[in-house]
Amino acid sequence: MNRKLTIGTGTVEGLRTFQAGCPEGPLHNMLARIVEAPQVYTNTDSILGEFRTTLRECKKYTPMEKEALCTSLETVMEILRMEGSDGMLENYLHGILL
């Protein structure tokens, strides 16, 4: 369900702090895009589009790496106060291509 998002300064700082702890790679790059231009991300669909791009880049991850990535994306959702991923993370974990 597409919901309006407002990414304020506090949220950007939360994402930036989380990004600082992420290794270089698809997740780090996704967070950089969001932090650099938060005004672009006005709804949950725009964030889920970023998730989809990131998950596609990580389709060859091992099951443990996939689980860790999904846990990190759940943290991003918490920071953004998103209620869910519309099944995207679950599908990714089960090998369903996005």
PDB file of N, CA and C in Angstrom:
ATOM      1  N   MET A   1       0.845  -1.178   0.000  1.00  0.00           N
ATOM      2  CA  MET A   1       0.000   0.000   0.000  1.00  0.00           C
ATOM      3  C   MET A   1       0.893   1.246   0.000  1.00  0.00           C
ATOM      4  N   ASN A   2       0.729   2.079  -0.975  1.00  0.00           N
ATOM      5  CA  ASN A   2       1.528   3.286  -1.104  1.00  0.00           C
ATOM      6  C   ASN A   2       1.078   4.324  -0.074  1.00  0.00           C
ATOM      7  N   ARG A   3       2.029   4.787   0.716  1.00  0.00           N
ATOM      8  CA  ARG A   3       1.755   5.763   1.758  1.00  0.00           C
ATOM      9  C   ARG A   3       2.691   6.939   1.609  1.00  0.00           C
ATOM     10  N   LYS A   4       2.220   8.103   1.945  1.00  0.00           N
ATOM     11  CA  LYS A   4       3.049   9.303   1.884  1.00  0.00           C
ATOM     12  C   LYS A   4       4.178   9.211   2.913  1.00  0.00           C
ATOM     13  N   LEU A   5       5.350   9.690   2.530  1.00  0.00           N
ATOM     14  CA  LEU A   5       6.508   9.729   3.431  1.00  0.00           C
ATOM     15  C   LEU A   5       7.028  11.157   3.513  1.00  0.00           C
ATOM     16  N   THR A   6       7.431  11.530   4.691  1.00  0.00           N
ATOM     17  CA  THR A   6       8.144  12.785   4.869  1.00  0.00           C
ATOM     18  C   THR A   6       9.455  12.436   5.551  1.00  0.00           C
ATOM     19  N   ILE A   7      10.547  12.660   4.850  1.00  0.00           N
ATOM     20  CA  ILE A   7      11.860  12.330   5.393  1.00  0.00           C
ATOM     21  C   ILE A   7      12.496  13.623   5.882  1.00  0.00           C
ATOM     22  N   GLY A   8      12.371  13.843   7.187  1.00  0.00           N
ATOM     23  CA  GLY A   8      12.912  15.054   7.792  1.00  0.00           C
ATOM     24  C   GLY A   8      14.371  14.907   8.181  1.00  0.00           C
ATOM     25  N   THR A   9      14.891  15.965   8.770  1.00  0.00           N
ATOM     26  CA  THR A   9      16.298  16.014   9.158  1.00  0.00           C
ATOM     27  C   THR A   9      16.664  14.884  10.125  1.00  0.00           C
ATOM     28  N   GLY A  10      15.813  14.624  11.105  1.00  0.00           N
ATOM     29  CA  GLY A  10      16.087  13.558  12.068  1.00  0.00           C
ATOM     30  C   GLY A  10      16.155  12.191  11.411  1.00  0.00           C
ATOM     31  N   THR A  11      15.262  11.962  10.456  1.00  0.00           N
ATOM     32  CA  THR A  11      15.251  10.693   9.741  1.00  0.00           C
ATOM     33  C   THR A  11      16.499  10.560   8.878  1.00  0.00           C
ATOM     34  N   VAL A  12      16.881  11.641   8.208  1.00  0.00           N
ATOM     35  CA  VAL A  12      18.095  11.627   7.390  1.00  0.00           C
ATOM     36  C   VAL A  12      19.303  11.302   8.266  1.00  0.00           C
ATOM     37  N   GLU A  13      19.365  11.903   9.444  1.00  0.00           N
ATOM     38  CA  GLU A  13      20.480  11.627  10.357  1.00  0.00           C
ATOM     39  C   GLU A  13      20.481  10.167  10.799  1.00  0.00           C
ATOM     40  N   GLY A  14      19.292   9.610  11.056  1.00  0.00           N
ATOM     41  CA  GLY A  14      19.194   8.194  11.412  1.00  0.00           C
ATOM     42  C   GLY A  14      19.686   7.296  10.297  1.00  0.00           C
ATOM     43  N   LEU A  15      19.304   7.627   9.067  1.00  0.00           N
ATOM     44  CA  LEU A  15      19.773   6.850   7.913  1.00  0.00           C
ATOM     45  C   LEU A  15      21.275   7.003   7.721  1.00  0.00           C
ATOM     46  N   ARG A  16      21.767   8.211   7.911  1.00  0.00           N
ATOM     47  CA  ARG A  16      23.205   8.467   7.752  1.00  0.00           C
ATOM     48  C   ARG A  16      24.009   7.682   8.799  1.00  0.00           C
ATOM     49  N   THR A  17      23.522   7.656  10.012  1.00  0.00           N
ATOM     50  CA  THR A  17      24.191   6.902  11.077  1.00  0.00           C
ATOM     51  C   THR A  17      24.202   5.409  10.754  1.00  0.00           C
ATOM     52  N   PHE A  18      23.066   4.904  10.287  1.00  0.00           N
ATOM     53  CA  PHE A  18      22.981   3.490   9.919  1.00  0.00           C
ATOM     54  C   PHE A  18      23.914   3.193   8.750  1.00  0.00           C
ATOM     55  N   GLN A  19      23.939   4.082   7.773  1.00  0.00           N
ATOM     56  CA  GLN A  19      24.798   3.919   6.596  1.00  0.00           C
ATOM     57  C   GLN A  19      26.270   3.833   6.995  1.00  0.00           C
ATOM     58  N   ALA A  20      26.666   4.625   7.984  1.00  0.00           N
ATOM     59  CA  ALA A  20      28.066   4.646   8.422  1.00  0.00           C
ATOM     60  C   ALA A  20      28.531   3.268   8.889  1.00  0.00           C
ATOM     61  N   GLY A  21      27.598   2.451   9.386  1.00  0.00           N
ATOM     62  CA  GLY A  21      27.946   1.115   9.855  1.00  0.00           C
ATOM     63  C   GLY A  21      27.840   0.038   8.799  1.00  0.00           C
ATOM     64  N   CYS A  22      27.415   0.410   7.604  1.00  0.00           N
ATOM     65  CA  CYS A  22      27.255  -0.564   6.519  1.00  0.00           C
ATOM     66  C   CYS A  22      28.519  -0.634   5.674  1.00  0.00           C
ATOM     67  N   PRO A  23      28.904  -1.840   5.275  1.00  0.00           N
ATOM     68  CA  PRO A  23      30.053  -1.941   4.361  1.00  0.00           C
ATOM     69  C   PRO A  23      29.681  -1.376   2.990  1.00  0.00           C
ATOM     70  N   GLU A  24      30.697  -1.006   2.231  1.00  0.00           N
ATOM     71  CA  GLU A  24      30.464  -0.536   0.854  1.00  0.00           C
ATOM     72  C   GLU A  24      29.728  -1.627   0.090  1.00  0.00           C
ATOM     73  N   GLY A  25      28.809  -1.231  -0.739  1.00  0.00           N
ATOM     74  CA  GLY A  25      28.066  -2.191  -1.542  1.00  0.00           C
ATOM     75  C   GLY A  25      26.670  -1.681  -1.820  1.00  0.00           C
ATOM     76  N   PRO A  26      25.797  -2.555  -2.309  1.00  0.00           N
ATOM     77  CA  PRO A  26      24.460  -2.136  -2.720  1.00  0.00           C
ATOM     78  C   PRO A  26      23.639  -1.441  -1.630  1.00  0.00           C
ATOM     79  N   LEU A  27      23.650  -1.958  -0.407  1.00  0.00           N
ATOM     80  CA  LEU A  27      22.881  -1.330   0.672  1.00  0.00           C
ATOM     81  C   LEU A  27      23.434   0.060   0.987  1.00  0.00           C
ATOM     82  N   HIS A  28      24.723   0.160   1.112  1.00  0.00           N
ATOM     83  CA  HIS A  28      25.374   1.439   1.394  1.00  0.00           C
ATOM     84  C   HIS A  28      25.038   2.452   0.296  1.00  0.00           C
ATOM     85  N   ASN A  29      25.091   2.010  -0.951  1.00  0.00           N
ATOM     86  CA  ASN A  29      24.800   2.882  -2.085  1.00  0.00           C
ATOM     87  C   ASN A  29      23.341   3.335  -2.087  1.00  0.00           C
ATOM     88  N   MET A  30      22.428   2.438  -1.743  1.00  0.00           N
ATOM     89  CA  MET A  30      21.013   2.791  -1.665  1.00  0.00           C
ATOM     90  C   MET A  30      20.795   3.866  -0.608  1.00  0.00           C
ATOM     91  N   LEU A  31      21.397   3.660   0.555  1.00  0.00           N
ATOM     92  CA  LEU A  31      21.259   4.645   1.632  1.00  0.00           C
ATOM     93  C   LEU A  31      21.840   5.992   1.221  1.00  0.00           C
ATOM     94  N   ALA A  32      22.947   5.972   0.492  1.00  0.00           N
ATOM     95  CA  ALA A  32      23.547   7.222   0.014  1.00  0.00           C
ATOM     96  C   ALA A  32      22.587   7.970  -0.900  1.00  0.00           C
ATOM     97  N   ARG A  33      21.911   7.250  -1.782  1.00  0.00           N
ATOM     98  CA  ARG A  33      20.953   7.904  -2.690  1.00  0.00           C
ATOM     99  C   ARG A  33      19.819   8.551  -1.906  1.00  0.00           C
ATOM    100  N   ILE A  34      19.311   7.852  -0.902  1.00  0.00           N
ATOM    101  CA  ILE A  34      18.195   8.389  -0.117  1.00  0.00           C
ATOM    102  C   ILE A  34      18.649   9.597   0.697  1.00  0.00           C
ATOM    103  N   VAL A  35      19.805   9.502   1.335  1.00  0.00           N
ATOM    104  CA  VAL A  35      20.326  10.581   2.174  1.00  0.00           C
ATOM    105  C   VAL A  35      20.653  11.825   1.341  1.00  0.00           C
ATOM    106  N   GLU A  36      21.169  11.616   0.131  1.00  0.00           N
ATOM    107  CA  GLU A  36      21.562  12.740  -0.709  1.00  0.00           C
ATOM    108  C   GLU A  36      20.374  13.498  -1.288  1.00  0.00           C
ATOM    109  N   ALA A  37      19.249  12.834  -1.475  1.00  0.00           N
ATOM    110  CA  ALA A  37      18.090  13.495  -2.089  1.00  0.00           C
ATOM    111  C   ALA A  37      16.787  13.019  -1.447  1.00  0.00           C
ATOM    112  N   PRO A  38      16.613  13.256  -0.140  1.00  0.00           N
ATOM    113  CA  PRO A  38      15.416  12.743   0.538  1.00  0.00           C
ATOM    114  C   PRO A  38      14.107  13.287  -0.039  1.00  0.00           C
ATOM    115  N   GLN A  39      14.139  14.464  -0.640  1.00  0.00           N
ATOM    116  CA  GLN A  39      12.932  15.068  -1.191  1.00  0.00           C
ATOM    117  C   GLN A  39      12.361  14.271  -2.365  1.00  0.00           C
ATOM    118  N   VAL A  40      13.162  13.416  -2.959  1.00  0.00           N
ATOM    119  CA  VAL A  40      12.718  12.576  -4.083  1.00  0.00           C
ATOM    120  C   VAL A  40      11.800  11.461  -3.587  1.00  0.00           C
ATOM    121  N   TYR A  41      11.992  11.050  -2.361  1.00  0.00           N
ATOM    122  CA  TYR A  41      11.285   9.898  -1.805  1.00  0.00           C
ATOM    123  C   TYR A  41      10.073  10.376  -1.010  1.00  0.00           C
ATOM    124  N   THR A  42       8.971  10.585  -1.735  1.00  0.00           N
ATOM    125  CA  THR A  42       7.777  11.172  -1.138  1.00  0.00           C
ATOM    126  C   THR A  42       6.735  10.148  -0.719  1.00  0.00           C
ATOM    127  N   ASN A  43       6.977   8.871  -1.062  1.00  0.00           N
ATOM    128  CA  ASN A  43       6.019   7.837  -0.688  1.00  0.00           C
ATOM    129  C   ASN A  43       6.735   6.490  -0.534  1.00  0.00           C
ATOM    130  N   THR A  44       6.001   5.538   0.018  1.00  0.00           N
ATOM    131  CA  THR A  44       6.613   4.233   0.287  1.00  0.00           C
ATOM    132  C   THR A  44       6.993   3.511  -1.011  1.00  0.00           C
ATOM    133  N   ASP A  45       6.241   3.726  -2.079  1.00  0.00           N
ATOM    134  CA  ASP A  45       6.589   3.064  -3.341  1.00  0.00           C
ATOM    135  C   ASP A  45       7.963   3.496  -3.846  1.00  0.00           C
ATOM    136  N   SER A  46       8.324   4.743  -3.632  1.00  0.00           N
ATOM    137  CA  SER A  46       9.637   5.205  -4.084  1.00  0.00           C
ATOM    138  C   SER A  46      10.752   4.518  -3.294  1.00  0.00           C
ATOM    139  N   ILE A  47      10.540   4.296  -2.017  1.00  0.00           N
ATOM    140  CA  ILE A  47      11.526   3.569  -1.202  1.00  0.00           C
ATOM    141  C   ILE A  47      11.555   2.105  -1.608  1.00  0.00           C
ATOM    142  N   LEU A  48      10.389   1.509  -1.827  1.00  0.00           N
ATOM    143  CA  LEU A  48      10.351   0.106  -2.238  1.00  0.00           C
ATOM    144  C   LEU A  48      11.010  -0.080  -3.595  1.00  0.00           C
ATOM    145  N   GLY A  49      10.963   0.923  -4.436  1.00  0.00           N
ATOM    146  CA  GLY A  49      11.691   0.866  -5.706  1.00  0.00           C
ATOM    147  C   GLY A  49      13.190   0.768  -5.469  1.00  0.00           C
ATOM    148  N   GLU A  50      13.682   1.526  -4.493  1.00  0.00           N
ATOM    149  CA  GLU A  50      15.102   1.439  -4.115  1.00  0.00           C
ATOM    150  C   GLU A  50      15.412   0.061  -3.536  1.00  0.00           C
ATOM    151  N   PHE A  51      14.522  -0.467  -2.707  1.00  0.00           N
ATOM    152  CA  PHE A  51      14.715  -1.813  -2.156  1.00  0.00           C
ATOM    153  C   PHE A  51      14.827  -2.816  -3.305  1.00  0.00           C
ATOM    154  N   ARG A  52      13.902  -2.732  -4.271  1.00  0.00           N
ATOM    155  CA  ARG A  52      13.874  -3.668  -5.394  1.00  0.00           C
ATOM    156  C   ARG A  52      15.206  -3.632  -6.152  1.00  0.00           C
ATOM    157  N   THR A  53      15.698  -2.432  -6.419  1.00  0.00           N
ATOM    158  CA  THR A  53      16.979  -2.286  -7.114  1.00  0.00           C
ATOM    159  C   THR A  53      18.104  -2.952  -6.327  1.00  0.00           C
ATOM    160  N   THR A  54      18.128  -2.692  -5.024  1.00  0.00           N
ATOM    161  CA  THR A  54      19.165  -3.255  -4.155  1.00  0.00           C
ATOM    162  C   THR A  54      19.070  -4.775  -4.103  1.00  0.00           C
ATOM    163  N   LEU A  55      17.869  -5.299  -3.951  1.00  0.00           N
ATOM    164  CA  LEU A  55      17.693  -6.752  -3.887  1.00  0.00           C
ATOM    165  C   LEU A  55      18.106  -7.422  -5.191  1.00  0.00           C
ATOM    166  N   ARG A  56      17.802  -6.798  -6.301  1.00  0.00           N
ATOM    167  CA  ARG A  56      18.218  -7.358  -7.599  1.00  0.00           C
ATOM    168  C   ARG A  56      19.739  -7.414  -7.704  1.00  0.00           C
ATOM    169  N   GLU A  57      20.403  -6.395  -7.181  1.00  0.00           N
ATOM    170  CA  GLU A  57      21.865  -6.375  -7.208  1.00  0.00           C
ATOM    171  C   GLU A  57      22.454  -7.465  -6.323  1.00  0.00           C
ATOM    172  N   CYS A  58      21.660  -7.966  -5.397  1.00  0.00           N
ATOM    173  CA  CYS A  58      22.145  -8.947  -4.414  1.00  0.00           C
ATOM    174  C   CYS A  58      21.523 -10.328  -4.611  1.00  0.00           C
ATOM    175  N   LYS A  59      21.037 -10.614  -5.807  1.00  0.00           N
ATOM    176  CA  LYS A  59      20.326 -11.869  -6.022  1.00  0.00           C
ATOM    177  C   LYS A  59      21.211 -13.104  -5.872  1.00  0.00           C
ATOM    178  N   LYS A  60      22.518 -12.954  -5.996  1.00  0.00           N
ATOM    179  CA  LYS A  60      23.419 -14.108  -5.878  1.00  0.00           C
ATOM    180  C   LYS A  60      23.996 -14.272  -4.470  1.00  0.00           C
ATOM    181  N   TYR A  61      23.481 -13.505  -3.522  1.00  0.00           N
ATOM    182  CA  TYR A  61      23.935 -13.636  -2.143  1.00  0.00           C
ATOM    183  C   TYR A  61      23.615 -15.032  -1.611  1.00  0.00           C
ATOM    184  N   THR A  62      24.392 -15.460  -0.634  1.00  0.00           N
ATOM    185  CA  THR A  62      24.104 -16.715   0.058  1.00  0.00           C
ATOM    186  C   THR A  62      22.868 -16.513   0.929  1.00  0.00           C
ATOM    187  N   PRO A  63      22.239 -17.613   1.390  1.00  0.00           N
ATOM    188  CA  PRO A  63      21.082 -17.453   2.273  1.00  0.00           C
ATOM    189  C   PRO A  63      21.384 -16.602   3.518  1.00  0.00           C
ATOM    190  N   MET A  64      22.562 -16.766   4.092  1.00  0.00           N
ATOM    191  CA  MET A  64      22.907 -15.961   5.280  1.00  0.00           C
ATOM    192  C   MET A  64      23.058 -14.489   4.922  1.00  0.00           C
ATOM    193  N   GLU A  65      23.664 -14.205   3.776  1.00  0.00           N
ATOM    194  CA  GLU A  65      23.820 -12.819   3.335  1.00  0.00           C
ATOM    195  C   GLU A  65      22.459 -12.192   3.024  1.00  0.00           C
ATOM    196  N   LYS A  66      21.560 -12.984   2.437  1.00  0.00           N
ATOM    197  CA  LYS A  66      20.212 -12.490   2.141  1.00  0.00           C
ATOM    198  C   LYS A  66      19.472 -12.151   3.428  1.00  0.00           C
ATOM    199  N   GLU A  67      19.594 -13.011   4.415  1.00  0.00           N
ATOM    200  CA  GLU A  67      18.931 -12.774   5.702  1.00  0.00           C
ATOM    201  C   GLU A  67      19.460 -11.495   6.341  1.00  0.00           C
ATOM    202  N   ALA A  68      20.769 -11.312   6.318  1.00  0.00           N
ATOM    203  CA  ALA A  68      21.377 -10.102   6.889  1.00  0.00           C
ATOM    204  C   ALA A  68      20.919  -8.853   6.135  1.00  0.00           C
ATOM    205  N   LEU A  69      20.841  -8.935   4.811  1.00  0.00           N
ATOM    206  CA  LEU A  69      20.386  -7.802   4.019  1.00  0.00           C
ATOM    207  C   LEU A  69      18.941  -7.449   4.362  1.00  0.00           C
ATOM    208  N   CYS A  70      18.083  -8.451   4.465  1.00  0.00           N
ATOM    209  CA  CYS A  70      16.681  -8.195   4.803  1.00  0.00           C
ATOM    210  C   CYS A  70      16.543  -7.592   6.196  1.00  0.00           C
ATOM    211  N   THR A  71      17.356  -8.045   7.128  1.00  0.00           N
ATOM    212  CA  THR A  71      17.342  -7.464   8.470  1.00  0.00           C
ATOM    213  C   THR A  71      17.736  -5.991   8.400  1.00  0.00           C
ATOM    214  N   SER A  72      18.727  -5.676   7.588  1.00  0.00           N
ATOM    215  CA  SER A  72      19.139  -4.276   7.425  1.00  0.00           C
ATOM    216  C   SER A  72      18.033  -3.450   6.777  1.00  0.00           C
ATOM    217  N   LEU A  73      17.362  -4.006   5.779  1.00  0.00           N
ATOM    218  CA  LEU A  73      16.273  -3.282   5.136  1.00  0.00           C
ATOM    219  C   LEU A  73      15.094  -3.086   6.089  1.00  0.00           C
ATOM    220  N   GLU A  74      14.879  -4.041   6.982  1.00  0.00           N
ATOM    221  CA  GLU A  74      13.848  -3.869   8.017  1.00  0.00           C
ATOM    222  C   GLU A  74      14.219  -2.721   8.945  1.00  0.00           C
ATOM    223  N   THR A  75      15.497  -2.576   9.246  1.00  0.00           N
ATOM    224  CA  THR A  75      15.954  -1.446  10.060  1.00  0.00           C
ATOM    225  C   THR A  75      15.696  -0.129   9.331  1.00  0.00           C
ATOM    226  N   VAL A  76      15.961  -0.101   8.037  1.00  0.00           N
ATOM    227  CA  VAL A  76      15.680   1.099   7.235  1.00  0.00           C
ATOM    228  C   VAL A  76      14.184   1.421   7.300  1.00  0.00           C
ATOM    229  N   MET A  77      13.353   0.396   7.186  1.00  0.00           N
ATOM    230  CA  MET A  77      11.901   0.618   7.272  1.00  0.00           C
ATOM    231  C   MET A  77      11.513   1.195   8.633  1.00  0.00           C
ATOM    232  N   GLU A  78      12.139   0.717   9.699  1.00  0.00           N
ATOM    233  CA  GLU A  78      11.862   1.251  11.033  1.00  0.00           C
ATOM    234  C   GLU A  78      12.259   2.726  11.122  1.00  0.00           C
ATOM    235  N   ILE A  79      13.425   3.057  10.599  1.00  0.00           N
ATOM    236  CA  ILE A  79      13.889   4.451  10.620  1.00  0.00           C
ATOM    237  C   ILE A  79      12.905   5.340   9.860  1.00  0.00           C
ATOM    238  N   LEU A  80      12.391   4.832   8.739  1.00  0.00           N
ATOM    239  CA  LEU A  80      11.461   5.601   7.915  1.00  0.00           C
ATOM    240  C   LEU A  80      10.009   5.490   8.391  1.00  0.00           C
ATOM    241  N   ARG A  81       9.792   4.668   9.409  1.00  0.00           N
ATOM    242  CA  ARG A  81       8.454   4.415   9.950  1.00  0.00           C
ATOM    243  C   ARG A  81       7.514   3.806   8.897  1.00  0.00           C
ATOM    244  N   MET A  82       8.077   2.898   8.124  1.00  0.00           N
ATOM    245  CA  MET A  82       7.286   2.164   7.134  1.00  0.00           C
ATOM    246  C   MET A  82       6.724   0.917   7.794  1.00  0.00           C
ATOM    247  N   GLU A  83       5.528   0.542   7.407  1.00  0.00           N
ATOM    248  CA  GLU A  83       4.859  -0.589   8.036  1.00  0.00           C
ATOM    249  C   GLU A  83       5.229  -1.932   7.432  1.00  0.00           C
ATOM    250  N   GLY A  84       5.714  -1.960   6.213  1.00  0.00           N
ATOM    251  CA  GLY A  84       6.056  -3.230   5.599  1.00  0.00           C
ATOM    252  C   GLY A  84       6.613  -3.048   4.205  1.00  0.00           C
ATOM    253  N   SER A  85       6.978  -4.175   3.610  1.00  0.00           N
ATOM    254  CA  SER A  85       7.586  -4.153   2.274  1.00  0.00           C
ATOM    255  C   SER A  85       6.673  -4.771   1.219  1.00  0.00           C
ATOM    256  N   ASP A  86       5.394  -4.934   1.535  1.00  0.00           N
ATOM    257  CA  ASP A  86       4.439  -5.548   0.611  1.00  0.00           C
ATOM    258  C   ASP A  86       4.905  -6.930   0.156  1.00  0.00           C
ATOM    259  N   GLY A  87       5.553  -7.676   1.049  1.00  0.00           N
ATOM    260  CA  GLY A  87       5.989  -9.039   0.755  1.00  0.00           C
ATOM    261  C   GLY A  87       7.298  -9.138  -0.006  1.00  0.00           C
ATOM    262  N   MET A  88       7.892  -7.996  -0.339  1.00  0.00           N
ATOM    263  CA  MET A  88       9.107  -7.995  -1.150  1.00  0.00           C
ATOM    264  C   MET A  88      10.259  -8.739  -0.471  1.00  0.00           C
ATOM    265  N   LEU A  89      10.481  -8.490   0.804  1.00  0.00           N
ATOM    266  CA  LEU A  89      11.605  -9.132   1.493  1.00  0.00           C
ATOM    267  C   LEU A  89      11.384 -10.635   1.613  1.00  0.00           C
ATOM    268  N   GLU A  90      10.169 -11.025   1.918  1.00  0.00           N
ATOM    269  CA  GLU A  90       9.842 -12.454   2.028  1.00  0.00           C
ATOM    270  C   GLU A  90      10.053 -13.160   0.686  1.00  0.00           C
ATOM    271  N   ASN A  91       9.614 -12.530  -0.389  1.00  0.00           N
ATOM    272  CA  ASN A  91       9.810 -13.113  -1.722  1.00  0.00           C
ATOM    273  C   ASN A  91      11.292 -13.264  -2.034  1.00  0.00           C
ATOM    274  N   TYR A  92      12.059 -12.248  -1.707  1.00  0.00           N
ATOM    275  CA  TYR A  92      13.512 -12.296  -1.950  1.00  0.00           C
ATOM    276  C   TYR A  92      14.150 -13.457  -1.200  1.00  0.00           C
ATOM    277  N   LEU A  93      13.766 -13.626   0.050  1.00  0.00           N
ATOM    278  CA  LEU A  93      14.333 -14.717   0.857  1.00  0.00           C
ATOM    279  C   LEU A  93      14.001 -16.096   0.280  1.00  0.00           C
ATOM    280  N   HIS A  94      12.873 -16.193  -0.400  1.00  0.00           N
ATOM    281  CA  HIS A  94      12.441 -17.470  -0.982  1.00  0.00           C
ATOM    282  C   HIS A  94      12.822 -17.619  -2.449  1.00  0.00           C
ATOM    283  N   GLY A  95      13.675 -16.706  -2.924  1.00  0.00           N
ATOM    284  CA  GLY A  95      14.190 -16.846  -4.270  1.00  0.00           C
ATOM    285  C   GLY A  95      13.266 -16.408  -5.388  1.00  0.00           C
ATOM    286  N   ILE A  96      12.193 -15.722  -5.023  1.00  0.00           N
ATOM    287  CA  ILE A  96      11.284 -15.230  -6.048  1.00  0.00           C
ATOM    288  C   ILE A  96      11.863 -13.946  -6.605  1.00  0.00           C
ATOM    289  N   LEU A  97      12.112 -13.939  -7.900  1.00  0.00           N
ATOM    290  CA  LEU A  97      12.722 -12.777  -8.533  1.00  0.00           C
ATOM    291  C   LEU A  97      11.778 -11.591  -8.492  1.00  0.00           C
ATOM    292  N   LEU A  98      12.345 -10.441  -8.304  1.00  0.00           N
ATOM    293  CA  LEU A  98      11.563  -9.215  -8.181  1.00  0.00           C
ATOM    294  C   LEU A  98      11.486  -8.480  -9.496  1.00  0.00           C
TER     295      LEU A  98
END
